[in-house]
């Protein structure tokens, strides 16, 4: 889908550090959003809420 977009190394490292069960629960669209989107949909925040640090 966004194969031509450059993936941020920090985002890729964050994605790689997620537990396998969480990564498996993400759809291809959600994975793409995780790696590329400037703003995530609420559904992605909900799946990842225990890993998000709020300031």
PDB file of N, CA and C in Angstrom:
ATOM      1  N   UNK A   1       0.838  -1.187   0.000  1.00  0.00           N
ATOM      2  CA  UNK A   1       0.000   0.000   0.000  1.00  0.00           C
ATOM      3  C   UNK A   1       0.884   1.252   0.000  1.00  0.00           C
ATOM      4  N   UNK A   2       1.688   1.452   1.052  1.00  0.00           N
ATOM      5  CA  UNK A   2       2.577   2.605   1.127  1.00  0.00           C
ATOM      6  C   UNK A   2       4.028   2.159   1.001  1.00  0.00           C
ATOM      7  N   UNK A   3       4.267   1.232   0.090  1.00  0.00           N
ATOM      8  CA  UNK A   3       5.599   0.657  -0.064  1.00  0.00           C
ATOM      9  C   UNK A   3       6.652   1.711  -0.392  1.00  0.00           C
ATOM     10  N   UNK A   4       6.245   2.790  -1.037  1.00  0.00           N
ATOM     11  CA  UNK A   4       7.203   3.823  -1.417  1.00  0.00           C
ATOM     12  C   UNK A   4       7.482   4.810  -0.296  1.00  0.00           C
ATOM     13  N   UNK A   5       6.661   4.821   0.737  1.00  0.00           N
ATOM     14  CA  UNK A   5       6.896   5.723   1.866  1.00  0.00           C
ATOM     15  C   UNK A   5       8.045   5.187   2.706  1.00  0.00           C
ATOM     16  N   UNK A   6       8.895   6.085   3.135  1.00  0.00           N
ATOM     17  CA  UNK A   6      10.008   5.692   4.001  1.00  0.00           C
ATOM     18  C   UNK A   6       9.494   5.482   5.418  1.00  0.00           C
ATOM     19  N   UNK A   7       9.900   4.388   6.014  1.00  0.00           N
ATOM     20  CA  UNK A   7       9.486   4.074   7.381  1.00  0.00           C
ATOM     21  C   UNK A   7      10.478   4.686   8.356  1.00  0.00           C
ATOM     22  N   UNK A   8       9.954   5.414   9.321  1.00  0.00           N
ATOM     23  CA  UNK A   8      10.760   6.005  10.380  1.00  0.00           C
ATOM     24  C   UNK A   8      11.374   4.875  11.216  1.00  0.00           C
ATOM     25  N   UNK A   9      12.673   4.960  11.457  1.00  0.00           N
ATOM     26  CA  UNK A   9      13.370   3.894  12.191  1.00  0.00           C
ATOM     27  C   UNK A   9      12.815   3.717  13.603  1.00  0.00           C
ATOM     28  N   UNK A  10      12.471   4.826  14.258  1.00  0.00           N
ATOM     29  CA  UNK A  10      11.928   4.732  15.617  1.00  0.00           C
ATOM     30  C   UNK A  10      10.571   4.045  15.626  1.00  0.00           C
ATOM     31  N   UNK A  11       9.739   4.348  14.634  1.00  0.00           N
ATOM     32  CA  UNK A  11       8.441   3.682  14.551  1.00  0.00           C
ATOM     33  C   UNK A  11       8.613   2.195  14.288  1.00  0.00           C
ATOM     34  N   UNK A  12       9.556   1.853  13.405  1.00  0.00           N
ATOM     35  CA  UNK A  12       9.799   0.444  13.111  1.00  0.00           C
ATOM     36  C   UNK A  12      10.298  -0.275  14.362  1.00  0.00           C
ATOM     37  N   UNK A  13      11.192   0.355  15.106  1.00  0.00           N
ATOM     38  CA  UNK A  13      11.694  -0.252  16.343  1.00  0.00           C
ATOM     39  C   UNK A  13      10.563  -0.419  17.349  1.00  0.00           C
ATOM     40  N   UNK A  14       9.674   0.565  17.431  1.00  0.00           N
ATOM     41  CA  UNK A  14       8.535   0.475  18.341  1.00  0.00           C
ATOM     42  C   UNK A  14       7.614  -0.671  17.935  1.00  0.00           C
ATOM     43  N   UNK A  15       7.349  -0.769  16.646  1.00  0.00           N
ATOM     44  CA  UNK A  15       6.501  -1.859  16.150  1.00  0.00           C
ATOM     45  C   UNK A  15       7.149  -3.212  16.444  1.00  0.00           C
ATOM     46  N   UNK A  16       8.428  -3.326  16.174  1.00  0.00           N
ATOM     47  CA  UNK A  16       9.141  -4.588  16.397  1.00  0.00           C
ATOM     48  C   UNK A  16       9.157  -4.988  17.866  1.00  0.00           C
ATOM     49  N   UNK A  17       9.079  -4.013  18.768  1.00  0.00           N
ATOM     50  CA  UNK A  17       9.138  -4.319  20.199  1.00  0.00           C
ATOM     51  C   UNK A  17       7.784  -4.732  20.789  1.00  0.00           C
ATOM     52  N   UNK A  18       6.718  -4.581  20.004  1.00  0.00           N
ATOM     53  CA  UNK A  18       5.398  -4.999  20.493  1.00  0.00           C
ATOM     54  C   UNK A  18       5.349  -6.514  20.680  1.00  0.00           C
ATOM     55  N   UNK A  19       4.592  -6.976  21.660  1.00  0.00           N
ATOM     56  CA  UNK A  19       4.434  -8.420  21.842  1.00  0.00           C
ATOM     57  C   UNK A  19       3.788  -9.048  20.595  1.00  0.00           C
ATOM     58  N   UNK A  20       4.160 -10.276  20.277  1.00  0.00           N
ATOM     59  CA  UNK A  20       3.600 -10.939  19.090  1.00  0.00           C
ATOM     60  C   UNK A  20       2.075 -10.952  19.059  1.00  0.00           C
ATOM     61  N   UNK A  21       1.444 -11.127  20.200  1.00  0.00           N
ATOM     62  CA  UNK A  21      -0.022 -11.168  20.220  1.00  0.00           C
ATOM     63  C   UNK A  21      -0.631  -9.840  19.775  1.00  0.00           C
ATOM     64  N   UNK A  22       0.006  -8.742  20.122  1.00  0.00           N
ATOM     65  CA  UNK A  22      -0.491  -7.425  19.716  1.00  0.00           C
ATOM     66  C   UNK A  22      -0.247  -7.228  18.218  1.00  0.00           C
ATOM     67  N   UNK A  23       0.954  -7.563  17.754  1.00  0.00           N
ATOM     68  CA  UNK A  23       1.243  -7.411  16.326  1.00  0.00           C
ATOM     69  C   UNK A  23       0.290  -8.250  15.484  1.00  0.00           C
ATOM     70  N   UNK A  24      -0.028  -9.448  15.938  1.00  0.00           N
ATOM     71  CA  UNK A  24      -0.939 -10.325  15.199  1.00  0.00           C
ATOM     72  C   UNK A  24      -2.366  -9.792  15.192  1.00  0.00           C
ATOM     73  N   UNK A  25      -2.713  -8.992  16.199  1.00  0.00           N
ATOM     74  CA  UNK A  25      -4.072  -8.450  16.266  1.00  0.00           C
ATOM     75  C   UNK A  25      -4.276  -7.257  15.336  1.00  0.00           C
ATOM     76  N   UNK A  26      -3.184  -6.682  14.845  1.00  0.00           N
ATOM     77  CA  UNK A  26      -3.283  -5.527  13.963  1.00  0.00           C
ATOM     78  C   UNK A  26      -3.549  -5.970  12.527  1.00  0.00           C
ATOM     79  N   UNK A  27      -4.446  -5.268  11.870  1.00  0.00           N
ATOM     80  CA  UNK A  27      -4.691  -5.529  10.452  1.00  0.00           C
ATOM     81  C   UNK A  27      -3.543  -4.910   9.654  1.00  0.00           C
ATOM     82  N   UNK A  28      -3.471  -5.238   8.374  1.00  0.00           N
ATOM     83  CA  UNK A  28      -2.448  -4.635   7.526  1.00  0.00           C
ATOM     84  C   UNK A  28      -2.607  -3.114   7.473  1.00  0.00           C
ATOM     85  N   UNK A  29      -3.852  -2.668   7.447  1.00  0.00           N
ATOM     86  CA  UNK A  29      -4.117  -1.226   7.429  1.00  0.00           C
ATOM     87  C   UNK A  29      -3.622  -0.568   8.721  1.00  0.00           C
ATOM     88  N   UNK A  30      -3.879  -1.208   9.865  1.00  0.00           N
ATOM     89  CA  UNK A  30      -3.431  -0.658  11.150  1.00  0.00           C
ATOM     90  C   UNK A  30      -1.907  -0.654  11.243  1.00  0.00           C
ATOM     91  N   UNK A  31      -1.280  -1.701  10.741  1.00  0.00           N
ATOM     92  CA  UNK A  31       0.189  -1.742  10.735  1.00  0.00           C
ATOM     93  C   UNK A  31       0.730  -0.586   9.890  1.00  0.00           C
ATOM     94  N   UNK A  32       0.122  -0.370   8.728  1.00  0.00           N
ATOM     95  CA  UNK A  32       0.534   0.718   7.852  1.00  0.00           C
ATOM     96  C   UNK A  32       0.342   2.071   8.552  1.00  0.00           C
ATOM     97  N   UNK A  33      -0.781   2.239   9.242  1.00  0.00           N
ATOM     98  CA  UNK A  33      -1.028   3.469   9.986  1.00  0.00           C
ATOM     99  C   UNK A  33       0.001   3.655  11.094  1.00  0.00           C
ATOM    100  N   UNK A  34       0.308   2.578  11.802  1.00  0.00           N
ATOM    101  CA  UNK A  34       1.300   2.624  12.879  1.00  0.00           C
ATOM    102  C   UNK A  34       2.636   3.151  12.345  1.00  0.00           C
ATOM    103  N   UNK A  35       3.035   2.656  11.186  1.00  0.00           N
ATOM    104  CA  UNK A  35       4.343   2.988  10.643  1.00  0.00           C
ATOM    105  C   UNK A  35       4.391   4.316   9.886  1.00  0.00           C
ATOM    106  N   UNK A  36       3.240   4.787   9.365  1.00  0.00           N
ATOM    107  CA  UNK A  36       3.271   5.942   8.479  1.00  0.00           C
ATOM    108  C   UNK A  36       2.402   7.124   8.870  1.00  0.00           C
ATOM    109  N   UNK A  37       1.289   6.904   9.526  1.00  0.00           N
ATOM    110  CA  UNK A  37       0.296   7.970   9.717  1.00  0.00           C
ATOM    111  C   UNK A  37       0.760   9.042  10.695  1.00  0.00           C
ATOM    112  N   UNK A  38       0.378  10.259  10.390  1.00  0.00           N
ATOM    113  CA  UNK A  38       0.645  11.366  11.304  1.00  0.00           C
ATOM    114  C   UNK A  38      -0.334  11.341  12.469  1.00  0.00           C
ATOM    115  N   UNK A  39      -1.518  10.816  12.214  1.00  0.00           N
ATOM    116  CA  UNK A  39      -2.542  10.733  13.252  1.00  0.00           C
ATOM    117  C   UNK A  39      -3.190   9.353  13.190  1.00  0.00           C
ATOM    118  N   UNK A  40      -3.297   8.710  14.349  1.00  0.00           N
ATOM    119  CA  UNK A  40      -3.885   7.373  14.420  1.00  0.00           C
ATOM    120  C   UNK A  40      -5.377   7.460  14.702  1.00  0.00           C
ATOM    121  N   UNK A  41      -6.132   6.489  14.185  1.00  0.00           N
ATOM    122  CA  UNK A  41      -7.556   6.417  14.534  1.00  0.00           C
ATOM    123  C   UNK A  41      -7.705   5.900  15.969  1.00  0.00           C
ATOM    124  N   UNK A  42      -8.842   6.188  16.577  1.00  0.00           N
ATOM    125  CA  UNK A  42      -9.091   5.749  17.959  1.00  0.00           C
ATOM    126  C   UNK A  42      -8.951   4.247  18.114  1.00  0.00           C
ATOM    127  N   UNK A  43      -9.345   3.486  17.100  1.00  0.00           N
ATOM    128  CA  UNK A  43      -9.277   2.024  17.195  1.00  0.00           C
ATOM    129  C   UNK A  43      -7.847   1.534  17.395  1.00  0.00           C
ATOM    130  N   UNK A  44      -6.883   2.203  16.775  1.00  0.00           N
ATOM    131  CA  UNK A  44      -5.481   1.805  16.942  1.00  0.00           C
ATOM    132  C   UNK A  44      -4.988   2.188  18.334  1.00  0.00           C
ATOM    133  N   UNK A  45      -5.389   3.361  18.820  1.00  0.00           N
ATOM    134  CA  UNK A  45      -5.037   3.753  20.187  1.00  0.00           C
ATOM    135  C   UNK A  45      -5.583   2.742  21.200  1.00  0.00           C
ATOM    136  N   UNK A  46      -6.801   2.278  20.972  1.00  0.00           N
ATOM    137  CA  UNK A  46      -7.410   1.318  21.891  1.00  0.00           C
ATOM    138  C   UNK A  46      -6.618   0.016  21.943  1.00  0.00           C
ATOM    139  N   UNK A  47      -6.177  -0.470  20.801  1.00  0.00           N
ATOM    140  CA  UNK A  47      -5.405  -1.715  20.770  1.00  0.00           C
ATOM    141  C   UNK A  47      -4.040  -1.557  21.435  1.00  0.00           C
ATOM    142  N   UNK A  48      -3.500  -0.346  21.386  1.00  0.00           N
ATOM    143  CA  UNK A  48      -2.137  -0.109  21.868  1.00  0.00           C
ATOM    144  C   UNK A  48      -2.073   0.683  23.171  1.00  0.00           C
ATOM    145  N   UNK A  49      -3.228   0.906  23.807  1.00  0.00           N
ATOM    146  CA  UNK A  49      -3.276   1.811  24.954  1.00  0.00           C
ATOM    147  C   UNK A  49      -2.323   1.449  26.089  1.00  0.00           C
ATOM    148  N   UNK A  50      -2.060   0.175  26.317  1.00  0.00           N
ATOM    149  CA  UNK A  50      -1.162  -0.170  27.421  1.00  0.00           C
ATOM    150  C   UNK A  50       0.302   0.111  27.102  1.00  0.00           C
ATOM    151  N   UNK A  51       0.596   0.445  25.846  1.00  0.00           N
ATOM    152  CA  UNK A  51       1.965   0.733  25.436  1.00  0.00           C
ATOM    153  C   UNK A  51       2.214   2.207  25.157  1.00  0.00           C
ATOM    154  N   UNK A  52       1.183   3.017  25.280  1.00  0.00           N
ATOM    155  CA  UNK A  52       1.289   4.444  24.990  1.00  0.00           C
ATOM    156  C   UNK A  52       1.521   5.213  26.282  1.00  0.00           C
ATOM    157  N   UNK A  53       2.557   6.032  26.263  1.00  0.00           N
ATOM    158  CA  UNK A  53       2.884   6.861  27.424  1.00  0.00           C
ATOM    159  C   UNK A  53       2.221   8.209  27.213  1.00  0.00           C
ATOM    160  N   UNK A  54       1.367   8.579  28.139  1.00  0.00           N
ATOM    161  CA  UNK A  54       0.677   9.871  28.046  1.00  0.00           C
ATOM    162  C   UNK A  54       1.456  10.923  28.799  1.00  0.00           C
ATOM    163  N   UNK A  55       1.555  12.091  28.183  1.00  0.00           N
ATOM    164  CA  UNK A  55       2.310  13.178  28.816  1.00  0.00           C
ATOM    165  C   UNK A  55       1.374  14.121  29.520  1.00  0.00           C
TER     166      UNK A  55
END
